[in-house]
């Protein structure tokens, strides 16, 4: 589940800063 993914990411204590997001109906790319 998404919840399991986010729980794992929270354990890592990283901070993310999204610079750019590009996507369509089936693919999303993040810088």
ModelCIF file with pLDDT and N, C-alpha, C, O atoms, coordinates in Angstrom:
data_MODEL
#
_entry.id   MODEL 
#
_entity.id                         1 
_entity.type                       polymer 
_entity.pdbx_number_of_molecules   1 
#
_entity_poly.entity_id                      1 
_entity_poly.type                           'polypeptide(L)' 
_entity_poly.nstd_linkage                   no 
_entity_poly.nstd_monomer                   no 
_entity_poly.pdbx_seq_one_letter_code       
;(UNK)(UNK)(UNK)(UNK)(UNK)(UNK)(UNK)(UNK)(UNK)(UNK)(UNK)(UNK)(UNK)(UNK)(UNK)(UNK)
(UNK)(UNK)(UNK)(UNK)(UNK)(UNK)(UNK)(UNK)(UNK)(UNK)(UNK)(UNK)(UNK)(UNK)(UNK)
;
_entity_poly.pdbx_seq_one_letter_code_can   XXXXXXXXXXXXXXXXXXXXXXXXXXXXXXX 
_entity_poly.pdbx_strand_id                 A 
#
loop_
_entity_poly_seq.entity_id 
_entity_poly_seq.num 
_entity_poly_seq.mon_id 
_entity_poly_seq.hetero 
1 1  UNK n 
1 2  UNK n 
1 3  UNK n 
1 4  UNK n 
1 5  UNK n 
1 6  UNK n 
1 7  UNK n 
1 8  UNK n 
1 9  UNK n 
1 10 UNK n 
1 11 UNK n 
1 12 UNK n 
1 13 UNK n 
1 14 UNK n 
1 15 UNK n 
1 16 UNK n 
1 17 UNK n 
1 18 UNK n 
1 19 UNK n 
1 20 UNK n 
1 21 UNK n 
1 22 UNK n 
1 23 UNK n 
1 24 UNK n 
1 25 UNK n 
1 26 UNK n 
1 27 UNK n 
1 28 UNK n 
1 29 UNK n 
1 30 UNK n 
1 31 UNK n 
#
_struct_asym.id          A 
_struct_asym.entity_id   1 
#
loop_
_ma_qa_metric.id 
_ma_qa_metric.mode 
_ma_qa_metric.name 
_ma_qa_metric.software_group_id 
_ma_qa_metric.type 
1 global pLDDT . pLDDT 
2 local  pLDDT . pLDDT 
#
_ma_qa_metric_global.metric_id      1 
_ma_qa_metric_global.metric_value   86.48 
_ma_qa_metric_global.model_id       1 
_ma_qa_metric_global.ordinal_id     1 
#
loop_
_ma_qa_metric_local.label_asym_id 
_ma_qa_metric_local.label_comp_id 
_ma_qa_metric_local.label_seq_id 
_ma_qa_metric_local.metric_id 
_ma_qa_metric_local.metric_value 
_ma_qa_metric_local.model_id 
_ma_qa_metric_local.ordinal_id 
A UNK 1  2 74.00 1 1  
A UNK 2  2 70.00 1 2  
A UNK 3  2 81.00 1 3  
A UNK 4  2 78.00 1 4  
A UNK 5  2 72.00 1 5  
A UNK 6  2 72.00 1 6  
A UNK 7  2 81.00 1 7  
A UNK 8  2 76.00 1 8  
A UNK 9  2 72.00 1 9  
A UNK 10 2 79.00 1 10 
A UNK 11 2 81.00 1 11 
A UNK 12 2 76.00 1 12 
A UNK 13 2 78.00 1 13 
A UNK 14 2 83.00 1 14 
A UNK 15 2 87.00 1 15 
A UNK 16 2 88.00 1 16 
A UNK 17 2 93.00 1 17 
A UNK 18 2 94.00 1 18 
A UNK 19 2 96.00 1 19 
A UNK 20 2 97.00 1 20 
A UNK 21 2 96.00 1 21 
A UNK 22 2 97.00 1 22 
A UNK 23 2 96.00 1 23 
A UNK 24 2 95.00 1 24 
A UNK 25 2 92.00 1 25 
A UNK 26 2 95.00 1 26 
A UNK 27 2 97.00 1 27 
A UNK 28 2 96.00 1 28 
A UNK 29 2 97.00 1 29 
A UNK 30 2 95.00 1 30 
A UNK 31 2 97.00 1 31 
#
loop_
_atom_site.group_PDB 
_atom_site.id 
_atom_site.type_symbol 
_atom_site.label_atom_id 
_atom_site.label_alt_id 
_atom_site.label_comp_id 
_atom_site.label_asym_id 
_atom_site.label_entity_id 
_atom_site.label_seq_id 
_atom_site.pdbx_PDB_ins_code 
_atom_site.Cartn_x 
_atom_site.Cartn_y 
_atom_site.Cartn_z 
_atom_site.occupancy 
_atom_site.B_iso_or_equiv 
_atom_site.pdbx_formal_charge 
_atom_site.auth_seq_id 
_atom_site.auth_comp_id 
_atom_site.auth_asym_id 
_atom_site.auth_atom_id 
_atom_site.pdbx_PDB_model_num 
ATOM 1   N N  . UNK A 1 1  ? 0.840  -1.199 0.000   1.00 74.00 ? 1  UNK A N  1 
ATOM 2   C CA . UNK A 1 1  ? 0.000  0.000  0.000   1.00 74.00 ? 1  UNK A CA 1 
ATOM 3   C C  . UNK A 1 1  ? 0.872  1.245  0.000   1.00 74.00 ? 1  UNK A C  1 
ATOM 4   O O  . UNK A 1 1  ? 2.065  1.192  0.298   1.00 74.00 ? 1  UNK A O  1 
ATOM 5   N N  . UNK A 1 2  ? 0.245  2.367  -0.343  1.00 70.00 ? 2  UNK A N  1 
ATOM 6   C CA . UNK A 1 2  ? 0.946  3.650  -0.283  1.00 70.00 ? 2  UNK A CA 1 
ATOM 7   C C  . UNK A 1 2  ? 1.361  3.954  1.149   1.00 70.00 ? 2  UNK A C  1 
ATOM 8   O O  . UNK A 1 2  ? 2.436  4.504  1.388   1.00 70.00 ? 2  UNK A O  1 
ATOM 9   N N  . UNK A 1 3  ? 0.511  3.596  2.092   1.00 81.00 ? 3  UNK A N  1 
ATOM 10  C CA . UNK A 1 3  ? 0.823  3.853  3.497   1.00 81.00 ? 3  UNK A CA 1 
ATOM 11  C C  . UNK A 1 3  ? 2.116  3.147  3.911   1.00 81.00 ? 3  UNK A C  1 
ATOM 12  O O  . UNK A 1 3  ? 2.933  3.717  4.634   1.00 81.00 ? 3  UNK A O  1 
ATOM 13  N N  . UNK A 1 4  ? 2.300  1.906  3.452   1.00 78.00 ? 4  UNK A N  1 
ATOM 14  C CA . UNK A 1 4  ? 3.519  1.158  3.775   1.00 78.00 ? 4  UNK A CA 1 
ATOM 15  C C  . UNK A 1 4  ? 4.744  1.858  3.193   1.00 78.00 ? 4  UNK A C  1 
ATOM 16  O O  . UNK A 1 4  ? 5.783  1.938  3.848   1.00 78.00 ? 4  UNK A O  1 
ATOM 17  N N  . UNK A 1 5  ? 4.628  2.361  1.975   1.00 72.00 ? 5  UNK A N  1 
ATOM 18  C CA . UNK A 1 5  ? 5.730  3.076  1.329   1.00 72.00 ? 5  UNK A CA 1 
ATOM 19  C C  . UNK A 1 5  ? 6.078  4.331  2.132   1.00 72.00 ? 5  UNK A C  1 
ATOM 20  O O  . UNK A 1 5  ? 7.244  4.563  2.454   1.00 72.00 ? 5  UNK A O  1 
ATOM 21  N N  . UNK A 1 6  ? 5.062  5.141  2.456   1.00 72.00 ? 6  UNK A N  1 
ATOM 22  C CA . UNK A 1 6  ? 5.322  6.377  3.187   1.00 72.00 ? 6  UNK A CA 1 
ATOM 23  C C  . UNK A 1 6  ? 5.865  6.112  4.590   1.00 72.00 ? 6  UNK A C  1 
ATOM 24  O O  . UNK A 1 6  ? 6.693  6.880  5.081   1.00 72.00 ? 6  UNK A O  1 
ATOM 25  N N  . UNK A 1 7  ? 5.425  5.061  5.231   1.00 81.00 ? 7  UNK A N  1 
ATOM 26  C CA . UNK A 1 7  ? 5.958  4.693  6.539   1.00 81.00 ? 7  UNK A CA 1 
ATOM 27  C C  . UNK A 1 7  ? 7.453  4.387  6.437   1.00 81.00 ? 7  UNK A C  1 
ATOM 28  O O  . UNK A 1 7  ? 8.238  4.820  7.281   1.00 81.00 ? 7  UNK A O  1 
ATOM 29  N N  . UNK A 1 8  ? 7.844  3.639  5.403   1.00 76.00 ? 8  UNK A N  1 
ATOM 30  C CA . UNK A 1 8  ? 9.262  3.334  5.195   1.00 76.00 ? 8  UNK A CA 1 
ATOM 31  C C  . UNK A 1 8  ? 10.066 4.604  4.931   1.00 76.00 ? 8  UNK A C  1 
ATOM 32  O O  . UNK A 1 8  ? 11.168 4.761  5.454   1.00 76.00 ? 8  UNK A O  1 
ATOM 33  N N  . UNK A 1 9  ? 9.522  5.505  4.125   1.00 72.00 ? 9  UNK A N  1 
ATOM 34  C CA . UNK A 1 9  ? 10.228 6.748  3.803   1.00 72.00 ? 9  UNK A CA 1 
ATOM 35  C C  . UNK A 1 9  ? 10.382 7.636  5.029   1.00 72.00 ? 9  UNK A C  1 
ATOM 36  O O  . UNK A 1 9  ? 11.418 8.281  5.192   1.00 72.00 ? 9  UNK A O  1 
ATOM 37  N N  . UNK A 1 10 ? 9.370  7.685  5.899   1.00 79.00 ? 10 UNK A N  1 
ATOM 38  C CA . UNK A 1 10 ? 9.453  8.495  7.115   1.00 79.00 ? 10 UNK A CA 1 
ATOM 39  C C  . UNK A 1 10 ? 10.544 7.989  8.049   1.00 79.00 ? 10 UNK A C  1 
ATOM 40  O O  . UNK A 1 10 ? 11.177 8.784  8.744   1.00 79.00 ? 10 UNK A O  1 
ATOM 41  N N  . UNK A 1 11 ? 10.771 6.688  8.074   1.00 81.00 ? 11 UNK A N  1 
ATOM 42  C CA . UNK A 1 11 ? 11.816 6.110  8.927   1.00 81.00 ? 11 UNK A CA 1 
ATOM 43  C C  . UNK A 1 11 ? 13.202 6.611  8.529   1.00 81.00 ? 11 UNK A C  1 
ATOM 44  O O  . UNK A 1 11 ? 14.100 6.684  9.368   1.00 81.00 ? 11 UNK A O  1 
ATOM 45  N N  . UNK A 1 12 ? 13.375 6.951  7.274   1.00 76.00 ? 12 UNK A N  1 
ATOM 46  C CA . UNK A 1 12 ? 14.687 7.393  6.778   1.00 76.00 ? 12 UNK A CA 1 
ATOM 47  C C  . UNK A 1 12 ? 15.024 8.816  7.188   1.00 76.00 ? 12 UNK A C  1 
ATOM 48  O O  . UNK A 1 12 ? 16.191 9.203  7.134   1.00 76.00 ? 12 UNK A O  1 
ATOM 49  N N  . UNK A 1 13 ? 14.047 9.602  7.592   1.00 78.00 ? 13 UNK A N  1 
ATOM 50  C CA . UNK A 1 13 ? 14.259 10.975 8.080   1.00 78.00 ? 13 UNK A CA 1 
ATOM 51  C C  . UNK A 1 13 ? 14.920 11.893 7.040   1.00 78.00 ? 13 UNK A C  1 
ATOM 52  O O  . UNK A 1 13 ? 15.591 12.856 7.413   1.00 78.00 ? 13 UNK A O  1 
ATOM 53  N N  . UNK A 1 14 ? 14.740 11.608 5.748   1.00 83.00 ? 14 UNK A N  1 
ATOM 54  C CA . UNK A 1 14 ? 15.267 12.478 4.707   1.00 83.00 ? 14 UNK A CA 1 
ATOM 55  C C  . UNK A 1 14 ? 14.310 13.636 4.473   1.00 83.00 ? 14 UNK A C  1 
ATOM 56  O O  . UNK A 1 14 ? 13.120 13.549 4.775   1.00 83.00 ? 14 UNK A O  1 
ATOM 57  N N  . UNK A 1 15 ? 14.849 14.718 3.932   1.00 87.00 ? 15 UNK A N  1 
ATOM 58  C CA . UNK A 1 15 ? 14.021 15.860 3.544   1.00 87.00 ? 15 UNK A CA 1 
ATOM 59  C C  . UNK A 1 15 ? 14.126 16.005 2.030   1.00 87.00 ? 15 UNK A C  1 
ATOM 60  O O  . UNK A 1 15 ? 15.219 15.996 1.464   1.00 87.00 ? 15 UNK A O  1 
ATOM 61  N N  . UNK A 1 16 ? 12.978 16.139 1.391   1.00 88.00 ? 16 UNK A N  1 
ATOM 62  C CA . UNK A 1 16 ? 12.912 16.201 -0.063  1.00 88.00 ? 16 UNK A CA 1 
ATOM 63  C C  . UNK A 1 16 ? 12.519 17.605 -0.505  1.00 88.00 ? 16 UNK A C  1 
ATOM 64  O O  . UNK A 1 16 ? 11.644 18.233 0.090   1.00 88.00 ? 16 UNK A O  1 
ATOM 65  N N  . UNK A 1 17 ? 13.183 18.094 -1.569  1.00 93.00 ? 17 UNK A N  1 
ATOM 66  C CA . UNK A 1 17 ? 12.814 19.365 -2.172  1.00 93.00 ? 17 UNK A CA 1 
ATOM 67  C C  . UNK A 1 17 ? 12.615 19.123 -3.669  1.00 93.00 ? 17 UNK A C  1 
ATOM 68  O O  . UNK A 1 17 ? 13.582 18.953 -4.411  1.00 93.00 ? 17 UNK A O  1 
ATOM 69  N N  . UNK A 1 18 ? 11.370 19.108 -4.098  1.00 94.00 ? 18 UNK A N  1 
ATOM 70  C CA . UNK A 1 18 ? 11.051 18.855 -5.500  1.00 94.00 ? 18 UNK A CA 1 
ATOM 71  C C  . UNK A 1 18 ? 11.323 20.131 -6.294  1.00 94.00 ? 18 UNK A C  1 
ATOM 72  O O  . UNK A 1 18 ? 10.824 21.205 -5.960  1.00 94.00 ? 18 UNK A O  1 
ATOM 73  N N  . UNK A 1 19 ? 12.123 19.992 -7.351  1.00 96.00 ? 19 UNK A N  1 
ATOM 74  C CA . UNK A 1 19 ? 12.469 21.117 -8.212  1.00 96.00 ? 19 UNK A CA 1 
ATOM 75  C C  . UNK A 1 19 ? 11.563 21.179 -9.437  1.00 96.00 ? 19 UNK A C  1 
ATOM 76  O O  . UNK A 1 19 ? 11.219 22.265 -9.902  1.00 96.00 ? 19 UNK A O  1 
ATOM 77  N N  . UNK A 1 20 ? 11.174 20.013 -9.963  1.00 97.00 ? 20 UNK A N  1 
ATOM 78  C CA . UNK A 1 20 ? 10.371 19.979 -11.188 1.00 97.00 ? 20 UNK A CA 1 
ATOM 79  C C  . UNK A 1 20 ? 9.616  18.648 -11.241 1.00 97.00 ? 20 UNK A C  1 
ATOM 80  O O  . UNK A 1 20 ? 10.156 17.597 -10.895 1.00 97.00 ? 20 UNK A O  1 
ATOM 81  N N  . UNK A 1 21 ? 8.360  18.718 -11.680 1.00 96.00 ? 21 UNK A N  1 
ATOM 82  C CA . UNK A 1 21 ? 7.543  17.510 -11.885 1.00 96.00 ? 21 UNK A CA 1 
ATOM 83  C C  . UNK A 1 21 ? 6.922  17.603 -13.273 1.00 96.00 ? 21 UNK A C  1 
ATOM 84  O O  . UNK A 1 21 ? 6.365  18.635 -13.647 1.00 96.00 ? 21 UNK A O  1 
ATOM 85  N N  . UNK A 1 22 ? 7.023  16.513 -14.032 1.00 97.00 ? 22 UNK A N  1 
ATOM 86  C CA . UNK A 1 22 ? 6.462  16.437 -15.377 1.00 97.00 ? 22 UNK A CA 1 
ATOM 87  C C  . UNK A 1 22 ? 5.760  15.098 -15.486 1.00 97.00 ? 22 UNK A C  1 
ATOM 88  O O  . UNK A 1 22 ? 6.295  14.082 -15.040 1.00 97.00 ? 22 UNK A O  1 
ATOM 89  N N  . UNK A 1 23 ? 4.565  15.077 -16.073 1.00 96.00 ? 23 UNK A N  1 
ATOM 90  C CA . UNK A 1 23 ? 3.885  13.799 -16.173 1.00 96.00 ? 23 UNK A CA 1 
ATOM 91  C C  . UNK A 1 23 ? 2.735  13.795 -17.144 1.00 96.00 ? 23 UNK A C  1 
ATOM 92  O O  . UNK A 1 23 ? 2.357  14.821 -17.709 1.00 96.00 ? 23 UNK A O  1 
ATOM 93  N N  . UNK A 1 24 ? 2.184  12.601 -17.323 1.00 95.00 ? 24 UNK A N  1 
ATOM 94  C CA . UNK A 1 24 ? 0.985  12.410 -18.124 1.00 95.00 ? 24 UNK A CA 1 
ATOM 95  C C  . UNK A 1 24 ? 0.119  11.379 -17.408 1.00 95.00 ? 24 UNK A C  1 
ATOM 96  O O  . UNK A 1 24 ? 0.262  11.199 -16.199 1.00 95.00 ? 24 UNK A O  1 
ATOM 97  N N  . UNK A 1 25 ? -0.760 10.710 -18.112 1.00 92.00 ? 25 UNK A N  1 
ATOM 98  C CA . UNK A 1 25 ? -1.671 9.755  -17.465 1.00 92.00 ? 25 UNK A CA 1 
ATOM 99  C C  . UNK A 1 25 ? -0.987 8.518  -16.899 1.00 92.00 ? 25 UNK A C  1 
ATOM 100 O O  . UNK A 1 25 ? -1.528 7.876  -15.998 1.00 92.00 ? 25 UNK A O  1 
ATOM 101 N N  . UNK A 1 26 ? 0.203  8.169  -17.414 1.00 95.00 ? 26 UNK A N  1 
ATOM 102 C CA . UNK A 1 26 ? 0.832  6.921  -16.980 1.00 95.00 ? 26 UNK A CA 1 
ATOM 103 C C  . UNK A 1 26 ? 2.236  7.066  -16.421 1.00 95.00 ? 26 UNK A C  1 
ATOM 104 O O  . UNK A 1 26 ? 2.771  6.113  -15.853 1.00 95.00 ? 26 UNK A O  1 
ATOM 105 N N  . UNK A 1 27 ? 2.846  8.238  -16.567 1.00 97.00 ? 27 UNK A N  1 
ATOM 106 C CA . UNK A 1 27 ? 4.217  8.397  -16.103 1.00 97.00 ? 27 UNK A CA 1 
ATOM 107 C C  . UNK A 1 27 ? 4.412  9.773  -15.473 1.00 97.00 ? 27 UNK A C  1 
ATOM 108 O O  . UNK A 1 27 ? 3.889  10.777 -15.957 1.00 97.00 ? 27 UNK A O  1 
ATOM 109 N N  . UNK A 1 28 ? 5.180  9.797  -14.378 1.00 96.00 ? 28 UNK A N  1 
ATOM 110 C CA . UNK A 1 28 ? 5.544  11.036 -13.713 1.00 96.00 ? 28 UNK A CA 1 
ATOM 111 C C  . UNK A 1 28 ? 7.056  11.019 -13.501 1.00 96.00 ? 28 UNK A C  1 
ATOM 112 O O  . UNK A 1 28 ? 7.623  10.023 -13.052 1.00 96.00 ? 28 UNK A O  1 
ATOM 113 N N  . UNK A 1 29 ? 7.694  12.138 -13.831 1.00 97.00 ? 29 UNK A N  1 
ATOM 114 C CA . UNK A 1 29 ? 9.125  12.286 -13.615 1.00 97.00 ? 29 UNK A CA 1 
ATOM 115 C C  . UNK A 1 29 ? 9.340  13.424 -12.631 1.00 97.00 ? 29 UNK A C  1 
ATOM 116 O O  . UNK A 1 29 ? 8.757  14.499 -12.779 1.00 97.00 ? 29 UNK A O  1 
ATOM 117 N N  . UNK A 1 30 ? 10.171 13.190 -11.632 1.00 95.00 ? 30 UNK A N  1 
ATOM 118 C CA . UNK A 1 30 ? 10.475 14.219 -10.634 1.00 95.00 ? 30 UNK A CA 1 
ATOM 119 C C  . UNK A 1 30 ? 11.970 14.490 -10.621 1.00 95.00 ? 30 UNK A C  1 
ATOM 120 O O  . UNK A 1 30 ? 12.774 13.559 -10.657 1.00 95.00 ? 30 UNK A O  1 
ATOM 121 N N  . UNK A 1 31 ? 12.341 15.755 -10.571 1.00 97.00 ? 31 UNK A N  1 
ATOM 122 C CA . UNK A 1 31 ? 13.714 16.177 -10.315 1.00 97.00 ? 31 UNK A CA 1 
ATOM 123 C C  . UNK A 1 31 ? 13.688 16.774 -8.921  1.00 97.00 ? 31 UNK A C  1 
ATOM 124 O O  . UNK A 1 31 ? 14.720 17.224 -8.422  1.00 97.00 ? 31 UNK A O  1 
#
